[in-house]
């Protein structure tokens, strides 16, 4: 029972030096994004499939483009 969708996972990266602490990512996906000291921190760098849509939406909401969700072979 091999499913090709399981072969692709997603990783999130955050550039804390670009973060200005707007917190829109946290509002959209607090399971992955948190603010610590006013800057984004990640609860995990691997995005669970059930959170992928919200993780991408949170990354895209960042006015500083400090967050990137990318596919990784796995």
PDB file of N, CA and C in Angstrom:
ATOM      1  N   UNK A   1       0.847  -1.188   0.000  1.00  0.00           N
ATOM      2  CA  UNK A   1       0.000   0.000   0.000  1.00  0.00           C
ATOM      3  C   UNK A   1       0.887   1.243   0.000  1.00  0.00           C
ATOM      4  N   UNK A   2       1.446   1.591  -1.113  1.00  0.00           N
ATOM      5  CA  UNK A   2       2.358   2.724  -1.238  1.00  0.00           C
ATOM      6  C   UNK A   2       1.614   3.941  -1.768  1.00  0.00           C
ATOM      7  N   UNK A   3       1.710   5.023  -1.034  1.00  0.00           N
ATOM      8  CA  UNK A   3       1.059   6.263  -1.457  1.00  0.00           C
ATOM      9  C   UNK A   3       2.137   7.301  -1.724  1.00  0.00           C
ATOM     10  N   UNK A   4       2.107   7.904  -2.874  1.00  0.00           N
ATOM     11  CA  UNK A   4       3.141   8.860  -3.239  1.00  0.00           C
ATOM     12  C   UNK A   4       3.098  10.105  -2.365  1.00  0.00           C
ATOM     13  N   UNK A   5       1.932  10.474  -1.829  1.00  0.00           N
ATOM     14  CA  UNK A   5       1.846  11.674  -0.999  1.00  0.00           C
ATOM     15  C   UNK A   5       2.642  11.519   0.294  1.00  0.00           C
ATOM     16  N   UNK A   6       2.875  10.281   0.743  1.00  0.00           N
ATOM     17  CA  UNK A   6       3.659  10.057   1.948  1.00  0.00           C
ATOM     18  C   UNK A   6       5.144  10.264   1.695  1.00  0.00           C
ATOM     19  N   UNK A   7       5.557  10.251   0.452  1.00  0.00           N
ATOM     20  CA  UNK A   7       6.960  10.421   0.114  1.00  0.00           C
ATOM     21  C   UNK A   7       7.393  11.882   0.212  1.00  0.00           C
ATOM     22  N   UNK A   8       6.444  12.786   0.236  1.00  0.00           N
ATOM     23  CA  UNK A   8       6.764  14.207   0.288  1.00  0.00           C
ATOM     24  C   UNK A   8       6.314  14.771   1.622  1.00  0.00           C
ATOM     25  N   UNK A   9       7.237  15.393   2.303  1.00  0.00           N
ATOM     26  CA  UNK A   9       6.876  16.085   3.526  1.00  0.00           C
ATOM     27  C   UNK A   9       7.245  17.557   3.341  1.00  0.00           C
ATOM     28  N   UNK A  10       6.872  18.347   4.308  1.00  0.00           N
ATOM     29  CA  UNK A  10       7.143  19.778   4.233  1.00  0.00           C
ATOM     30  C   UNK A  10       7.876  20.230   5.477  1.00  0.00           C
ATOM     31  N   UNK A  11       8.799  21.130   5.266  1.00  0.00           N
ATOM     32  CA  UNK A  11       9.590  21.690   6.352  1.00  0.00           C
ATOM     33  C   UNK A  11       9.345  23.197   6.375  1.00  0.00           C
ATOM     34  N   UNK A  12       9.350  23.746   7.571  1.00  0.00           N
ATOM     35  CA  UNK A  12       9.191  25.189   7.715  1.00  0.00           C
ATOM     36  C   UNK A  12      10.487  25.772   8.266  1.00  0.00           C
ATOM     37  N   UNK A  13      10.858  26.911   7.735  1.00  0.00           N
ATOM     38  CA  UNK A  13      12.046  27.641   8.196  1.00  0.00           C
ATOM     39  C   UNK A  13      11.624  29.062   8.542  1.00  0.00           C
ATOM     40  N   UNK A  14      12.191  29.597   9.603  1.00  0.00           N
ATOM     41  CA  UNK A  14      11.888  30.968  10.003  1.00  0.00           C
ATOM     42  C   UNK A  14      13.185  31.744  10.159  1.00  0.00           C
ATOM     43  N   UNK A  15      13.220  32.922   9.593  1.00  0.00           N
ATOM     44  CA  UNK A  15      14.371  33.815   9.703  1.00  0.00           C
ATOM     45  C   UNK A  15      14.057  34.831  10.806  1.00  0.00           C
ATOM     46  N   UNK A  16      14.508  34.523  12.015  1.00  0.00           N
ATOM     47  CA  UNK A  16      14.203  35.398  13.154  1.00  0.00           C
ATOM     48  C   UNK A  16      14.769  36.805  12.960  1.00  0.00           C
ATOM     49  N   UNK A  17      15.848  36.949  12.193  1.00  0.00           N
ATOM     50  CA  UNK A  17      16.425  38.279  11.979  1.00  0.00           C
ATOM     51  C   UNK A  17      15.523  39.143  11.100  1.00  0.00           C
ATOM     52  N   UNK A  18      14.644  38.510  10.326  1.00  0.00           N
ATOM     53  CA  UNK A  18      13.706  39.257   9.484  1.00  0.00           C
ATOM     54  C   UNK A  18      12.364  39.488  10.181  1.00  0.00           C
ATOM     55  N   UNK A  19      12.112  38.741  11.257  1.00  0.00           N
ATOM     56  CA  UNK A  19      10.829  38.803  11.954  1.00  0.00           C
ATOM     57  C   UNK A  19      10.681  40.123  12.695  1.00  0.00           C
ATOM     58  N   UNK A  20       9.499  40.725  12.587  1.00  0.00           N
ATOM     59  CA  UNK A  20       9.191  41.953  13.317  1.00  0.00           C
ATOM     60  C   UNK A  20       8.113  41.721  14.378  1.00  0.00           C
ATOM     61  N   UNK A  21       7.704  40.472  14.571  1.00  0.00           N
ATOM     62  CA  UNK A  21       6.779  40.140  15.643  1.00  0.00           C
ATOM     63  C   UNK A  21       5.332  40.520  15.425  1.00  0.00           C
ATOM     64  N   UNK A  22       4.889  40.588  14.180  1.00  0.00           N
ATOM     65  CA  UNK A  22       3.493  40.924  13.914  1.00  0.00           C
ATOM     66  C   UNK A  22       2.538  39.871  14.483  1.00  0.00           C
ATOM     67  N   UNK A  23       2.945  38.611  14.464  1.00  0.00           N
ATOM     68  CA  UNK A  23       2.147  37.552  15.064  1.00  0.00           C
ATOM     69  C   UNK A  23       1.020  37.004  14.218  1.00  0.00           C
ATOM     70  N   UNK A  24       0.925  37.400  12.966  1.00  0.00           N
ATOM     71  CA  UNK A  24      -0.148  36.866  12.118  1.00  0.00           C
ATOM     72  C   UNK A  24       0.014  35.367  11.910  1.00  0.00           C
ATOM     73  N   UNK A  25       1.240  34.902  11.849  1.00  0.00           N
ATOM     74  CA  UNK A  25       1.479  33.466  11.693  1.00  0.00           C
ATOM     75  C   UNK A  25       0.936  32.699  12.896  1.00  0.00           C
ATOM     76  N   UNK A  26       1.128  33.248  14.082  1.00  0.00           N
ATOM     77  CA  UNK A  26       0.663  32.610  15.316  1.00  0.00           C
ATOM     78  C   UNK A  26      -0.861  32.557  15.348  1.00  0.00           C
ATOM     79  N   UNK A  27      -1.501  33.624  14.918  1.00  0.00           N
ATOM     80  CA  UNK A  27      -2.964  33.660  14.882  1.00  0.00           C
ATOM     81  C   UNK A  27      -3.516  32.582  13.955  1.00  0.00           C
ATOM     82  N   UNK A  28      -2.836  32.330  12.856  1.00  0.00           N
ATOM     83  CA  UNK A  28      -3.325  31.374  11.857  1.00  0.00           C
ATOM     84  C   UNK A  28      -2.967  29.933  12.217  1.00  0.00           C
ATOM     85  N   UNK A  29      -1.764  29.704  12.723  1.00  0.00           N
ATOM     86  CA  UNK A  29      -1.312  28.330  13.000  1.00  0.00           C
ATOM     87  C   UNK A  29      -0.461  28.269  14.271  1.00  0.00           C
ATOM     88  N   UNK A  30      -1.098  28.420  15.432  1.00  0.00           N
ATOM     89  CA  UNK A  30      -0.336  28.410  16.691  1.00  0.00           C
ATOM     90  C   UNK A  30       0.289  27.057  17.023  1.00  0.00           C
ATOM     91  N   UNK A  31      -0.140  26.005  16.339  1.00  0.00           N
ATOM     92  CA  UNK A  31       0.459  24.681  16.560  1.00  0.00           C
ATOM     93  C   UNK A  31       1.910  24.636  16.088  1.00  0.00           C
ATOM     94  N   UNK A  32       2.272  25.514  15.160  1.00  0.00           N
ATOM     95  CA  UNK A  32       3.636  25.532  14.618  1.00  0.00           C
ATOM     96  C   UNK A  32       4.372  26.819  14.973  1.00  0.00           C
ATOM     97  N   UNK A  33       3.683  27.942  14.924  1.00  0.00           N
ATOM     98  CA  UNK A  33       4.322  29.237  15.148  1.00  0.00           C
ATOM     99  C   UNK A  33       3.981  29.781  16.532  1.00  0.00           C
ATOM    100  N   UNK A  34       4.995  30.295  17.211  1.00  0.00           N
ATOM    101  CA  UNK A  34       4.826  30.960  18.498  1.00  0.00           C
ATOM    102  C   UNK A  34       5.724  32.193  18.500  1.00  0.00           C
ATOM    103  N   UNK A  35       5.434  33.120  19.385  1.00  0.00           N
ATOM    104  CA  UNK A  35       6.324  34.267  19.568  1.00  0.00           C
ATOM    105  C   UNK A  35       7.055  34.082  20.894  1.00  0.00           C
ATOM    106  N   UNK A  36       8.336  34.317  20.845  1.00  0.00           N
ATOM    107  CA  UNK A  36       9.178  34.240  22.042  1.00  0.00           C
ATOM    108  C   UNK A  36      10.083  35.463  22.023  1.00  0.00           C
ATOM    109  N   UNK A  37       9.975  36.276  23.040  1.00  0.00           N
ATOM    110  CA  UNK A  37      10.756  37.521  23.042  1.00  0.00           C
ATOM    111  C   UNK A  37      10.358  38.428  21.904  1.00  0.00           C
ATOM    112  N   UNK A  38       9.119  38.300  21.436  1.00  0.00           N
ATOM    113  CA  UNK A  38       8.622  39.139  20.351  1.00  0.00           C
ATOM    114  C   UNK A  38       8.979  38.659  18.951  1.00  0.00           C
ATOM    115  N   UNK A  39       9.663  37.505  18.853  1.00  0.00           N
ATOM    116  CA  UNK A  39      10.058  36.978  17.547  1.00  0.00           C
ATOM    117  C   UNK A  39       9.534  35.555  17.379  1.00  0.00           C
ATOM    118  N   UNK A  40       9.352  35.165  16.121  1.00  0.00           N
ATOM    119  CA  UNK A  40       8.802  33.845  15.813  1.00  0.00           C
ATOM    120  C   UNK A  40       9.757  32.733  16.242  1.00  0.00           C
ATOM    121  N   UNK A  41       9.176  31.686  16.810  1.00  0.00           N
ATOM    122  CA  UNK A  41       9.873  30.427  17.059  1.00  0.00           C
ATOM    123  C   UNK A  41       8.976  29.318  16.534  1.00  0.00           C
ATOM    124  N   UNK A  42       9.584  28.217  16.154  1.00  0.00           N
ATOM    125  CA  UNK A  42       8.836  27.090  15.612  1.00  0.00           C
ATOM    126  C   UNK A  42       8.703  26.005  16.666  1.00  0.00           C
ATOM    127  N   UNK A  43       7.515  25.435  16.787  1.00  0.00           N
ATOM    128  CA  UNK A  43       7.333  24.303  17.697  1.00  0.00           C
ATOM    129  C   UNK A  43       7.869  23.032  17.066  1.00  0.00           C
ATOM    130  N   UNK A  44       7.964  23.012  15.730  1.00  0.00           N
ATOM    131  CA  UNK A  44       8.517  21.903  14.968  1.00  0.00           C
ATOM    132  C   UNK A  44       8.968  22.441  13.621  1.00  0.00           C
ATOM    133  N   UNK A  45       9.920  21.781  12.992  1.00  0.00           N
ATOM    134  CA  UNK A  45      10.304  22.214  11.646  1.00  0.00           C
ATOM    135  C   UNK A  45       9.688  21.328  10.569  1.00  0.00           C
ATOM    136  N   UNK A  46       9.147  20.174  10.967  1.00  0.00           N
ATOM    137  CA  UNK A  46       8.444  19.306  10.022  1.00  0.00           C
ATOM    138  C   UNK A  46       6.947  19.565  10.169  1.00  0.00           C
ATOM    139  N   UNK A  47       6.299  19.870   9.068  1.00  0.00           N
ATOM    140  CA  UNK A  47       4.879  20.227   9.097  1.00  0.00           C
ATOM    141  C   UNK A  47       4.023  18.976   8.955  1.00  0.00           C
ATOM    142  N   UNK A  48       3.205  18.665   9.966  1.00  0.00           N
ATOM    143  CA  UNK A  48       2.277  17.537   9.831  1.00  0.00           C
ATOM    144  C   UNK A  48       1.280  17.815   8.698  1.00  0.00           C
ATOM    145  N   UNK A  49       0.932  16.769   7.960  1.00  0.00           N
ATOM    146  CA  UNK A  49       0.045  16.932   6.798  1.00  0.00           C
ATOM    147  C   UNK A  49      -1.245  17.656   7.150  1.00  0.00           C
ATOM    148  N   UNK A  50      -1.789  17.381   8.330  1.00  0.00           N
ATOM    149  CA  UNK A  50      -3.067  17.992   8.699  1.00  0.00           C
ATOM    150  C   UNK A  50      -2.943  19.493   8.989  1.00  0.00           C
ATOM    151  N   UNK A  51      -1.715  19.989   9.151  1.00  0.00           N
ATOM    152  CA  UNK A  51      -1.508  21.417   9.401  1.00  0.00           C
ATOM    153  C   UNK A  51      -0.913  22.144   8.197  1.00  0.00           C
ATOM    154  N   UNK A  52      -0.683  21.436   7.115  1.00  0.00           N
ATOM    155  CA  UNK A  52       0.028  22.017   5.979  1.00  0.00           C
ATOM    156  C   UNK A  52      -0.644  23.272   5.439  1.00  0.00           C
ATOM    157  N   UNK A  53      -1.939  23.218   5.206  1.00  0.00           N
ATOM    158  CA  UNK A  53      -2.634  24.372   4.623  1.00  0.00           C
ATOM    159  C   UNK A  53      -2.499  25.602   5.520  1.00  0.00           C
ATOM    160  N   UNK A  54      -2.695  25.428   6.820  1.00  0.00           N
ATOM    161  CA  UNK A  54      -2.600  26.556   7.751  1.00  0.00           C
ATOM    162  C   UNK A  54      -1.161  27.015   7.936  1.00  0.00           C
ATOM    163  N   UNK A  55      -0.198  26.090   7.876  1.00  0.00           N
ATOM    164  CA  UNK A  55       1.212  26.463   7.980  1.00  0.00           C
ATOM    165  C   UNK A  55       1.612  27.350   6.803  1.00  0.00           C
ATOM    166  N   UNK A  56       1.162  26.984   5.610  1.00  0.00           N
ATOM    167  CA  UNK A  56       1.455  27.790   4.419  1.00  0.00           C
ATOM    168  C   UNK A  56       0.760  29.143   4.514  1.00  0.00           C
ATOM    169  N   UNK A  57      -0.494  29.141   4.939  1.00  0.00           N
ATOM    170  CA  UNK A  57      -1.233  30.396   5.083  1.00  0.00           C
ATOM    171  C   UNK A  57      -0.540  31.313   6.099  1.00  0.00           C
ATOM    172  N   UNK A  58      -0.081  30.729   7.204  1.00  0.00           N
ATOM    173  CA  UNK A  58       0.637  31.515   8.208  1.00  0.00           C
ATOM    174  C   UNK A  58       1.925  32.099   7.663  1.00  0.00           C
ATOM    175  N   UNK A  59       2.668  31.302   6.910  1.00  0.00           N
ATOM    176  CA  UNK A  59       3.910  31.783   6.301  1.00  0.00           C
ATOM    177  C   UNK A  59       3.630  32.905   5.304  1.00  0.00           C
ATOM    178  N   UNK A  60       2.592  32.720   4.497  1.00  0.00           N
ATOM    179  CA  UNK A  60       2.263  33.732   3.487  1.00  0.00           C
ATOM    180  C   UNK A  60       1.725  35.015   4.111  1.00  0.00           C
ATOM    181  N   UNK A  61       1.218  34.942   5.354  1.00  0.00           N
ATOM    182  CA  UNK A  61       0.670  36.126   6.016  1.00  0.00           C
ATOM    183  C   UNK A  61       1.766  37.026   6.574  1.00  0.00           C
ATOM    184  N   UNK A  62       2.995  36.542   6.633  1.00  0.00           N
ATOM    185  CA  UNK A  62       4.088  37.307   7.224  1.00  0.00           C
ATOM    186  C   UNK A  62       4.449  38.494   6.334  1.00  0.00           C
ATOM    187  N   UNK A  63       4.282  39.725   6.850  1.00  0.00           N
ATOM    188  CA  UNK A  63       4.605  40.891   6.020  1.00  0.00           C
ATOM    189  C   UNK A  63       6.095  41.023   5.718  1.00  0.00           C
ATOM    190  N   UNK A  64       6.945  40.344   6.479  1.00  0.00           N
ATOM    191  CA  UNK A  64       8.391  40.408   6.273  1.00  0.00           C
ATOM    192  C   UNK A  64       8.922  39.232   5.463  1.00  0.00           C
ATOM    193  N   UNK A  65       8.033  38.288   5.080  1.00  0.00           N
ATOM    194  CA  UNK A  65       8.446  37.067   4.369  1.00  0.00           C
ATOM    195  C   UNK A  65       9.543  36.326   5.130  1.00  0.00           C
ATOM    196  N   UNK A  66       9.391  36.266   6.460  1.00  0.00           N
ATOM    197  CA  UNK A  66      10.407  35.641   7.318  1.00  0.00           C
ATOM    198  C   UNK A  66      10.218  34.136   7.435  1.00  0.00           C
ATOM    199  N   UNK A  67       9.094  33.614   6.909  1.00  0.00           N
ATOM    200  CA  UNK A  67       8.794  32.184   7.064  1.00  0.00           C
ATOM    201  C   UNK A  67       8.620  31.545   5.692  1.00  0.00           C
ATOM    202  N   UNK A  68       9.205  30.361   5.531  1.00  0.00           N
ATOM    203  CA  UNK A  68       9.110  29.621   4.273  1.00  0.00           C
ATOM    204  C   UNK A  68       8.717  28.187   4.580  1.00  0.00           C
ATOM    205  N   UNK A  69       7.713  27.686   3.868  1.00  0.00           N
ATOM    206  CA  UNK A  69       7.346  26.266   3.934  1.00  0.00           C
ATOM    207  C   UNK A  69       7.794  25.655   2.614  1.00  0.00           C
ATOM    208  N   UNK A  70       8.585  24.593   2.698  1.00  0.00           N
ATOM    209  CA  UNK A  70       9.125  23.993   1.476  1.00  0.00           C
ATOM    210  C   UNK A  70       8.974  22.481   1.506  1.00  0.00           C
ATOM    211  N   UNK A  71       8.840  21.907   0.323  1.00  0.00           N
ATOM    212  CA  UNK A  71       8.776  20.458   0.187  1.00  0.00           C
ATOM    213  C   UNK A  71      10.155  19.864   0.391  1.00  0.00           C
ATOM    214  N   UNK A  72      10.179  18.722   1.048  1.00  0.00           N
ATOM    215  CA  UNK A  72      11.429  17.968   1.184  1.00  0.00           C
ATOM    216  C   UNK A  72      11.152  16.525   0.863  1.00  0.00           C
ATOM    217  N   UNK A  73      12.063  15.891   0.155  1.00  0.00           N
ATOM    218  CA  UNK A  73      11.900  14.476  -0.157  1.00  0.00           C
ATOM    219  C   UNK A  73      12.086  13.691   1.126  1.00  0.00           C
ATOM    220  N   UNK A  74      11.235  12.720   1.337  1.00  0.00           N
ATOM    221  CA  UNK A  74      11.364  11.978   2.574  1.00  0.00           C
ATOM    222  C   UNK A  74      10.693  10.706   2.441  1.00  0.00           C
TER     223      UNK A  74
END
